[in-house]
Amino acid sequence: MVWNSGRKLKGDRYTIERILGRGRSAITYLAFDKNGNRLVIKTISDEVLLQLQQTPGAIDRWQDKLFQEATKLPKCQLRQVRLSRLIC
């Protein structure tokens, strides 16, 4: 499922600004929190989620991979904006 710009998540805690990119397994969004801080939210594609649900432990491995990605994120920059968090 693709989220549109302006979509509120987690009880209005986060707001989607735009899609940053789409890969084979996920969609990555630029978003901001209630304080106006920019962050990245990454969602798994519906097709991949269905595949992962059929393999024991696959979702946990995917989440571990995202956690590793999130720990590297603070070192990256996007158009001079420092992104500090990855919400998965």
C-alpha atoms as a PDB file:
ATOM      1  CA  MET A   1       0.000   0.000   0.000  1.00  0.00           C
ATOM      2  CA  VAL A   2       1.361   3.418  -0.960  1.00  0.00           C
ATOM      3  CA  TRP A   3       0.870   6.334   1.433  1.00  0.00           C
ATOM      4  CA  ASN A   4       0.021   9.775   0.053  1.00  0.00           C
ATOM      5  CA  SER A   5       1.611  13.051   1.085  1.00  0.00           C
ATOM      6  CA  GLY A   6      -0.012  14.378   4.250  1.00  0.00           C
ATOM      7  CA  ARG A   7      -0.934  10.968   5.641  1.00  0.00           C
ATOM      8  CA  LYS A   8      -0.741  10.890   9.439  1.00  0.00           C
ATOM      9  CA  LEU A   9       0.723   7.878  11.238  1.00  0.00           C
ATOM     10  CA  LYS A  10       0.856   6.653  14.830  1.00  0.00           C
ATOM     11  CA  GLY A  11      -1.890   8.969  16.112  1.00  0.00           C
ATOM     12  CA  ASP A  12      -0.623  12.018  14.189  1.00  0.00           C
ATOM     13  CA  ARG A  13       2.887  11.534  15.563  1.00  0.00           C
ATOM     14  CA  TYR A  14       4.351  11.398  12.033  1.00  0.00           C
ATOM     15  CA  THR A  15       3.269  12.967   8.722  1.00  0.00           C
ATOM     16  CA  ILE A  16       4.325  11.673   5.305  1.00  0.00           C
ATOM     17  CA  GLU A  17       5.934  14.360   3.150  1.00  0.00           C
ATOM     18  CA  ARG A  18       6.793  12.372   0.006  1.00  0.00           C
ATOM     19  CA  ILE A  19       8.185   9.145  -1.393  1.00  0.00           C
ATOM     20  CA  LEU A  20      11.972   9.067  -1.491  1.00  0.00           C
ATOM     21  CA  GLY A  21      12.225   5.824  -3.384  1.00  0.00           C
ATOM     22  CA  ARG A  22      10.838   2.411  -4.166  1.00  0.00           C
ATOM     23  CA  GLY A  23      12.797  -0.773  -4.249  1.00  0.00           C
ATOM     24  CA  ARG A  24      11.962  -4.382  -4.853  1.00  0.00           C
ATOM     25  CA  SER A  25      10.984  -4.955  -1.238  1.00  0.00           C
ATOM     26  CA  ALA A  26      10.052  -1.602   0.277  1.00  0.00           C
ATOM     27  CA  ILE A  27       8.927   2.000  -0.119  1.00  0.00           C
ATOM     28  CA  THR A  28      10.894   4.737   1.651  1.00  0.00           C
ATOM     29  CA  TYR A  29       9.233   8.009   2.647  1.00  0.00           C
ATOM     30  CA  LEU A  30      10.463  11.361   3.862  1.00  0.00           C
ATOM     31  CA  ALA A  31       8.329  12.372   6.829  1.00  0.00           C
ATOM     32  CA  PHE A  32       8.353  14.727   9.786  1.00  0.00           C
ATOM     33  CA  ASP A  33       7.317  14.416  13.398  1.00  0.00           C
ATOM     34  CA  LYS A  34       5.170  16.745  15.524  1.00  0.00           C
ATOM     35  CA  ASN A  35       8.252  18.884  16.260  1.00  0.00           C
ATOM     36  CA  GLY A  36       9.021  19.337  12.566  1.00  0.00           C
ATOM     37  CA  ASN A  37      12.060  17.021  12.607  1.00  0.00           C
ATOM     38  CA  ARG A  38      12.574  15.173   9.339  1.00  0.00           C
ATOM     39  CA  LEU A  39      12.949  11.420   9.350  1.00  0.00           C
ATOM     40  CA  VAL A  40      12.674   8.421   7.076  1.00  0.00           C
ATOM     41  CA  ILE A  41       9.893   5.855   7.269  1.00  0.00           C
ATOM     42  CA  LYS A  42      10.334   2.605   5.399  1.00  0.00           C
ATOM     43  CA  THR A  43       7.494   0.170   4.723  1.00  0.00           C
ATOM     44  CA  ILE A  44       7.675  -3.310   3.320  1.00  0.00           C
ATOM     45  CA  SER A  45       5.791  -3.960   0.104  1.00  0.00           C
ATOM     46  CA  ASP A  46       2.617  -6.025   0.330  1.00  0.00           C
ATOM     47  CA  GLU A  47       4.011  -8.664  -2.029  1.00  0.00           C
ATOM     48  CA  VAL A  48       7.199  -9.178  -0.029  1.00  0.00           C
ATOM     49  CA  LEU A  49       5.290  -9.253   3.257  1.00  0.00           C
ATOM     50  CA  LEU A  50       3.134 -12.095   1.955  1.00  0.00           C
ATOM     51  CA  GLN A  51       6.262 -14.017   0.957  1.00  0.00           C
ATOM     52  CA  LEU A  52       7.988 -13.409   4.296  1.00  0.00           C
ATOM     53  CA  GLN A  53       4.951 -14.571   6.256  1.00  0.00           C
ATOM     54  CA  GLN A  54       5.318 -18.000   4.653  1.00  0.00           C
ATOM     55  CA  THR A  55       8.880 -18.513   5.921  1.00  0.00           C
ATOM     56  CA  PRO A  56       9.497 -18.870   9.680  1.00  0.00           C
ATOM     57  CA  GLY A  57      11.911 -16.218  10.932  1.00  0.00           C
ATOM     58  CA  ALA A  58      11.977 -14.275   7.657  1.00  0.00           C
ATOM     59  CA  ILE A  59      10.238 -11.192   9.062  1.00  0.00           C
ATOM     60  CA  ASP A  60      12.688 -11.090  11.985  1.00  0.00           C
ATOM     61  CA  ARG A  61      15.642 -11.248   9.577  1.00  0.00           C
ATOM     62  CA  TRP A  62      14.130  -8.442   7.493  1.00  0.00           C
ATOM     63  CA  GLN A  63      13.646  -6.304  10.606  1.00  0.00           C
ATOM     64  CA  ASP A  64      17.257  -6.936  11.627  1.00  0.00           C
ATOM     65  CA  LYS A  65      18.393  -5.752   8.212  1.00  0.00           C
ATOM     66  CA  LEU A  66      16.349  -2.567   8.598  1.00  0.00           C
ATOM     67  CA  PHE A  67      17.792  -1.978  12.054  1.00  0.00           C
ATOM     68  CA  GLN A  68      21.306  -2.194  10.602  1.00  0.00           C
ATOM     69  CA  GLU A  69      20.279   0.288   7.927  1.00  0.00           C
ATOM     70  CA  ALA A  70      18.845   2.632  10.559  1.00  0.00           C
ATOM     71  CA  THR A  71      22.085   2.647  12.536  1.00  0.00           C
ATOM     72  CA  LYS A  72      23.945   3.799   9.411  1.00  0.00           C
ATOM     73  CA  LEU A  73      21.378   6.464   8.516  1.00  0.00           C
ATOM     74  CA  PRO A  74      22.722   9.299  10.726  1.00  0.00           C
ATOM     75  CA  LYS A  75      25.895   9.280   8.630  1.00  0.00           C
ATOM     76  CA  CYS A  76      23.925  10.040   5.466  1.00  0.00           C
ATOM     77  CA  GLN A  77      22.624  13.344   4.185  1.00  0.00           C
ATOM     78  CA  LEU A  78      19.771  14.167   1.834  1.00  0.00           C
ATOM     79  CA  ARG A  79      19.925  17.593   0.217  1.00  0.00           C
ATOM     80  CA  GLN A  80      21.778  19.053   3.164  1.00  0.00           C
ATOM     81  CA  VAL A  81      19.134  17.824   5.643  1.00  0.00           C
ATOM     82  CA  ARG A  82      20.486  15.600   8.351  1.00  0.00           C
ATOM     83  CA  LEU A  83      18.171  12.627   8.858  1.00  0.00           C
ATOM     84  CA  SER A  84      18.400  11.065  12.271  1.00  0.00           C
ATOM     85  CA  ARG A  85      15.876   8.244  12.422  1.00  0.00           C
ATOM     86  CA  LEU A  86      14.471   5.412  10.389  1.00  0.00           C
ATOM     87  CA  ILE A  87      11.024   4.252  11.447  1.00  0.00           C
ATOM     88  CA  CYS A  88      10.174   0.755  10.262  1.00  0.00           C
END
